[in-house]
Amino acid sequence: MLNATKANFDNTVAKIKCLNPDVELVTEYMNEMKEVKDDVLVSPSPDGDDV
């Protein structure tokens, strides 16, 4: 399941880069397990609960 998630994530990043060639997309610290909460990139909580 994680391999499929990573493949989908990588494909989405590639699409964004392709559609926005003039934008420098910062992908450092980004991965398929991170999410955006309150305009900040965070790792989900280990128990899956939203705080």
PDB file of N, CA and C in Angstrom:
ATOM      1  N   MET A   1       0.817  -1.200   0.000  1.00  0.00           N
ATOM      2  CA  MET A   1       0.000   0.000   0.000  1.00  0.00           C
ATOM      3  C   MET A   1       0.854   1.255   0.000  1.00  0.00           C
ATOM      4  N   LEU A   2       1.929   1.252   0.787  1.00  0.00           N
ATOM      5  CA  LEU A   2       2.798   2.422   0.857  1.00  0.00           C
ATOM      6  C   LEU A   2       3.482   2.677  -0.482  1.00  0.00           C
ATOM      7  N   ASN A   3       3.862   1.617  -1.201  1.00  0.00           N
ATOM      8  CA  ASN A   3       4.485   1.796  -2.518  1.00  0.00           C
ATOM      9  C   ASN A   3       3.527   2.473  -3.487  1.00  0.00           C
ATOM     10  N   ALA A   4       2.268   2.102  -3.464  1.00  0.00           N
ATOM     11  CA  ALA A   4       1.269   2.731  -4.337  1.00  0.00           C
ATOM     12  C   ALA A   4       1.074   4.191  -3.946  1.00  0.00           C
ATOM     13  N   THR A   5       1.056   4.469  -2.653  1.00  0.00           N
ATOM     14  CA  THR A   5       0.918   5.842  -2.174  1.00  0.00           C
ATOM     15  C   THR A   5       2.097   6.691  -2.633  1.00  0.00           C
ATOM     16  N   LYS A   6       3.309   6.156  -2.505  1.00  0.00           N
ATOM     17  CA  LYS A   6       4.502   6.884  -2.924  1.00  0.00           C
ATOM     18  C   LYS A   6       4.493   7.117  -4.428  1.00  0.00           C
ATOM     19  N   ALA A   7       4.092   6.128  -5.201  1.00  0.00           N
ATOM     20  CA  ALA A   7       4.042   6.270  -6.655  1.00  0.00           C
ATOM     21  C   ALA A   7       3.033   7.352  -7.047  1.00  0.00           C
ATOM     22  N   ASN A   8       1.876   7.369  -6.401  1.00  0.00           N
ATOM     23  CA  ASN A   8       0.873   8.405  -6.675  1.00  0.00           C
ATOM     24  C   ASN A   8       1.383   9.784  -6.283  1.00  0.00           C
ATOM     25  N   PHE A   9       2.050   9.864  -5.158  1.00  0.00           N
ATOM     26  CA  PHE A   9       2.618  11.128  -4.693  1.00  0.00           C
ATOM     27  C   PHE A   9       3.656  11.639  -5.685  1.00  0.00           C
ATOM     28  N   ASP A  10       4.589  10.780  -6.073  1.00  0.00           N
ATOM     29  CA  ASP A  10       5.643  11.167  -7.015  1.00  0.00           C
ATOM     30  C   ASP A  10       5.057  11.602  -8.355  1.00  0.00           C
ATOM     31  N   ASN A  11       4.024  10.914  -8.799  1.00  0.00           N
ATOM     32  CA  ASN A  11       3.366  11.265 -10.049  1.00  0.00           C
ATOM     33  C   ASN A  11       2.685  12.633  -9.941  1.00  0.00           C
ATOM     34  N   THR A  12       2.057  12.899  -8.824  1.00  0.00           N
ATOM     35  CA  THR A  12       1.408  14.192  -8.613  1.00  0.00           C
ATOM     36  C   THR A  12       2.428  15.323  -8.608  1.00  0.00           C
ATOM     37  N   VAL A  13       3.556  15.128  -7.935  1.00  0.00           N
ATOM     38  CA  VAL A  13       4.625  16.134  -7.924  1.00  0.00           C
ATOM     39  C   VAL A  13       5.131  16.373  -9.346  1.00  0.00           C
ATOM     40  N   ALA A  14       5.315  15.315 -10.109  1.00  0.00           N
ATOM     41  CA  ALA A  14       5.779  15.447 -11.496  1.00  0.00           C
ATOM     42  C   ALA A  14       4.772  16.237 -12.333  1.00  0.00           C
ATOM     43  N   LYS A  15       3.486  15.997 -12.127  1.00  0.00           N
ATOM     44  CA  LYS A  15       2.450  16.736 -12.855  1.00  0.00           C
ATOM     45  C   LYS A  15       2.483  18.224 -12.511  1.00  0.00           C
ATOM     46  N   ILE A  16       2.616  18.519 -11.224  1.00  0.00           N
ATOM     47  CA  ILE A  16       2.666  19.922 -10.795  1.00  0.00           C
ATOM     48  C   ILE A  16       3.868  20.620 -11.422  1.00  0.00           C
ATOM     49  N   LYS A  17       5.018  19.954 -11.427  1.00  0.00           N
ATOM     50  CA  LYS A  17       6.221  20.536 -12.027  1.00  0.00           C
ATOM     51  C   LYS A  17       6.044  20.732 -13.530  1.00  0.00           C
ATOM     52  N   CYS A  18       5.410  19.790 -14.189  1.00  0.00           N
ATOM     53  CA  CYS A  18       5.181  19.860 -15.631  1.00  0.00           C
ATOM     54  C   CYS A  18       4.235  21.006 -15.983  1.00  0.00           C
ATOM     55  N   LEU A  19       3.186  21.175 -15.204  1.00  0.00           N
ATOM     56  CA  LEU A  19       2.186  22.202 -15.474  1.00  0.00           C
ATOM     57  C   LEU A  19       2.630  23.605 -15.058  1.00  0.00           C
ATOM     58  N   ASN A  20       3.676  23.680 -14.234  1.00  0.00           N
ATOM     59  CA  ASN A  20       4.166  24.966 -13.741  1.00  0.00           C
ATOM     60  C   ASN A  20       5.673  25.067 -13.937  1.00  0.00           C
ATOM     61  N   PRO A  21       6.143  25.027 -15.192  1.00  0.00           N
ATOM     62  CA  PRO A  21       7.589  24.980 -15.430  1.00  0.00           C
ATOM     63  C   PRO A  21       8.340  26.232 -14.983  1.00  0.00           C
ATOM     64  N   ASP A  22       7.647  27.358 -14.862  1.00  0.00           N
ATOM     65  CA  ASP A  22       8.313  28.595 -14.467  1.00  0.00           C
ATOM     66  C   ASP A  22       8.339  28.806 -12.953  1.00  0.00           C
ATOM     67  N   VAL A  23       7.752  27.876 -12.207  1.00  0.00           N
ATOM     68  CA  VAL A  23       7.700  27.987 -10.754  1.00  0.00           C
ATOM     69  C   VAL A  23       8.715  27.025 -10.154  1.00  0.00           C
ATOM     70  N   GLU A  24       9.548  27.545  -9.249  1.00  0.00           N
ATOM     71  CA  GLU A  24      10.503  26.676  -8.565  1.00  0.00           C
ATOM     72  C   GLU A  24       9.766  25.991  -7.412  1.00  0.00           C
ATOM     73  N   LEU A  25       9.419  24.741  -7.613  1.00  0.00           N
ATOM     74  CA  LEU A  25       8.676  23.978  -6.611  1.00  0.00           C
ATOM     75  C   LEU A  25       9.646  23.432  -5.574  1.00  0.00           C
ATOM     76  N   VAL A  26       9.469  23.829  -4.336  1.00  0.00           N
ATOM     77  CA  VAL A  26      10.318  23.358  -3.247  1.00  0.00           C
ATOM     78  C   VAL A  26       9.739  22.050  -2.721  1.00  0.00           C
ATOM     79  N   THR A  27      10.493  20.970  -2.867  1.00  0.00           N
ATOM     80  CA  THR A  27      10.019  19.660  -2.425  1.00  0.00           C
ATOM     81  C   THR A  27      10.826  19.122  -1.245  1.00  0.00           C
ATOM     82  N   GLU A  28      11.746  19.914  -0.741  1.00  0.00           N
ATOM     83  CA  GLU A  28      12.536  19.494   0.413  1.00  0.00           C
ATOM     84  C   GLU A  28      11.606  19.281   1.609  1.00  0.00           C
ATOM     85  N   TYR A  29      11.808  18.192   2.326  1.00  0.00           N
ATOM     86  CA  TYR A  29      11.017  17.796   3.503  1.00  0.00           C
ATOM     87  C   TYR A  29       9.598  17.347   3.148  1.00  0.00           C
ATOM     88  N   MET A  30       9.287  17.250   1.858  1.00  0.00           N
ATOM     89  CA  MET A  30       7.964  16.827   1.449  1.00  0.00           C
ATOM     90  C   MET A  30       7.975  15.322   1.181  1.00  0.00           C
ATOM     91  N   ASN A  31       6.963  14.616   1.621  1.00  0.00           N
ATOM     92  CA  ASN A  31       6.821  13.206   1.279  1.00  0.00           C
ATOM     93  C   ASN A  31       5.362  12.811   1.376  1.00  0.00           C
ATOM     94  N   GLU A  32       5.075  11.590   0.993  1.00  0.00           N
ATOM     95  CA  GLU A  32       3.690  11.145   0.901  1.00  0.00           C
ATOM     96  C   GLU A  32       2.984  11.046   2.246  1.00  0.00           C
ATOM     97  N   MET A  33       3.731  11.058   3.344  1.00  0.00           N
ATOM     98  CA  MET A  33       3.107  10.927   4.651  1.00  0.00           C
ATOM     99  C   MET A  33       2.800  12.279   5.298  1.00  0.00           C
ATOM    100  N   LYS A  34       3.318  13.367   4.756  1.00  0.00           N
ATOM    101  CA  LYS A  34       3.085  14.696   5.335  1.00  0.00           C
ATOM    102  C   LYS A  34       1.727  15.225   4.902  1.00  0.00           C
ATOM    103  N   GLU A  35       1.191  16.146   5.687  1.00  0.00           N
ATOM    104  CA  GLU A  35      -0.066  16.790   5.346  1.00  0.00           C
ATOM    105  C   GLU A  35       0.012  18.250   5.774  1.00  0.00           C
ATOM    106  N   VAL A  36      -0.889  19.058   5.246  1.00  0.00           N
ATOM    107  CA  VAL A  36      -0.916  20.474   5.583  1.00  0.00           C
ATOM    108  C   VAL A  36      -1.988  20.709   6.634  1.00  0.00           C
ATOM    109  N   LYS A  37      -1.570  21.331   7.723  1.00  0.00           N
ATOM    110  CA  LYS A  37      -2.492  21.709   8.798  1.00  0.00           C
ATOM    111  C   LYS A  37      -2.180  23.151   9.165  1.00  0.00           C
ATOM    112  N   ASP A  38      -3.170  24.011   9.071  1.00  0.00           N
ATOM    113  CA  ASP A  38      -3.002  25.429   9.410  1.00  0.00           C
ATOM    114  C   ASP A  38      -1.815  26.046   8.671  1.00  0.00           C
ATOM    115  N   ASP A  39      -1.721  25.749   7.367  1.00  0.00           N
ATOM    116  CA  ASP A  39      -0.672  26.297   6.492  1.00  0.00           C
ATOM    117  C   ASP A  39       0.736  25.854   6.878  1.00  0.00           C
ATOM    118  N   VAL A  40       0.858  24.722   7.569  1.00  0.00           N
ATOM    119  CA  VAL A  40       2.152  24.176   7.959  1.00  0.00           C
ATOM    120  C   VAL A  40       2.209  22.715   7.532  1.00  0.00           C
ATOM    121  N   LEU A  41       3.364  22.287   7.009  1.00  0.00           N
ATOM    122  CA  LEU A  41       3.560  20.902   6.613  1.00  0.00           C
ATOM    123  C   LEU A  41       3.933  20.086   7.844  1.00  0.00           C
ATOM    124  N   VAL A  42       3.128  19.094   8.190  1.00  0.00           N
ATOM    125  CA  VAL A  42       3.346  18.304   9.410  1.00  0.00           C
ATOM    126  C   VAL A  42       3.211  16.819   9.121  1.00  0.00           C
ATOM    127  N   SER A  43       3.778  16.022  10.009  1.00  0.00           N
ATOM    128  CA  SER A  43       3.588  14.577   9.949  1.00  0.00           C
ATOM    129  C   SER A  43       2.296  14.253  10.687  1.00  0.00           C
ATOM    130  N   PRO A  44       1.542  13.286  10.185  1.00  0.00           N
ATOM    131  CA  PRO A  44       0.314  12.904  10.899  1.00  0.00           C
ATOM    132  C   PRO A  44       0.657  12.313  12.262  1.00  0.00           C
ATOM    133  N   SER A  45      -0.264  12.442  13.217  1.00  0.00           N
ATOM    134  CA  SER A  45      -0.017  11.891  14.539  1.00  0.00           C
ATOM    135  C   SER A  45       0.041  10.362  14.443  1.00  0.00           C
ATOM    136  N   PRO A  46       0.871   9.728  15.279  1.00  0.00           N
ATOM    137  CA  PRO A  46       1.024   8.260  15.205  1.00  0.00           C
ATOM    138  C   PRO A  46      -0.276   7.495  15.418  1.00  0.00           C
ATOM    139  N   ASP A  47      -1.185   8.047  16.211  1.00  0.00           N
ATOM    140  CA  ASP A  47      -2.445   7.330  16.477  1.00  0.00           C
ATOM    141  C   ASP A  47      -3.535   7.688  15.470  1.00  0.00           C
ATOM    142  N   GLY A  48      -3.225   8.620  14.548  1.00  0.00           N
ATOM    143  CA  GLY A  48      -4.180   8.970  13.515  1.00  0.00           C
ATOM    144  C   GLY A  48      -5.231   9.960  13.948  1.00  0.00           C
ATOM    145  N   ASP A  49      -5.152  10.443  15.181  1.00  0.00           N
ATOM    146  CA  ASP A  49      -6.136  11.412  15.678  1.00  0.00           C
ATOM    147  C   ASP A  49      -5.768  12.810  15.230  1.00  0.00           C
ATOM    148  N   ASP A  50      -6.779  13.612  14.892  1.00  0.00           N
ATOM    149  CA  ASP A  50      -6.552  15.024  14.621  1.00  0.00           C
ATOM    150  C   ASP A  50      -6.569  15.769  15.945  1.00  0.00           C
ATOM    151  N   VAL A  51      -5.572  16.596  16.141  1.00  0.00           N
ATOM    152  CA  VAL A  51      -5.482  17.330  17.413  1.00  0.00           C
ATOM    153  C   VAL A  51      -6.079  18.687  17.251  1.00  0.00           C
TER     154      VAL A  51
END
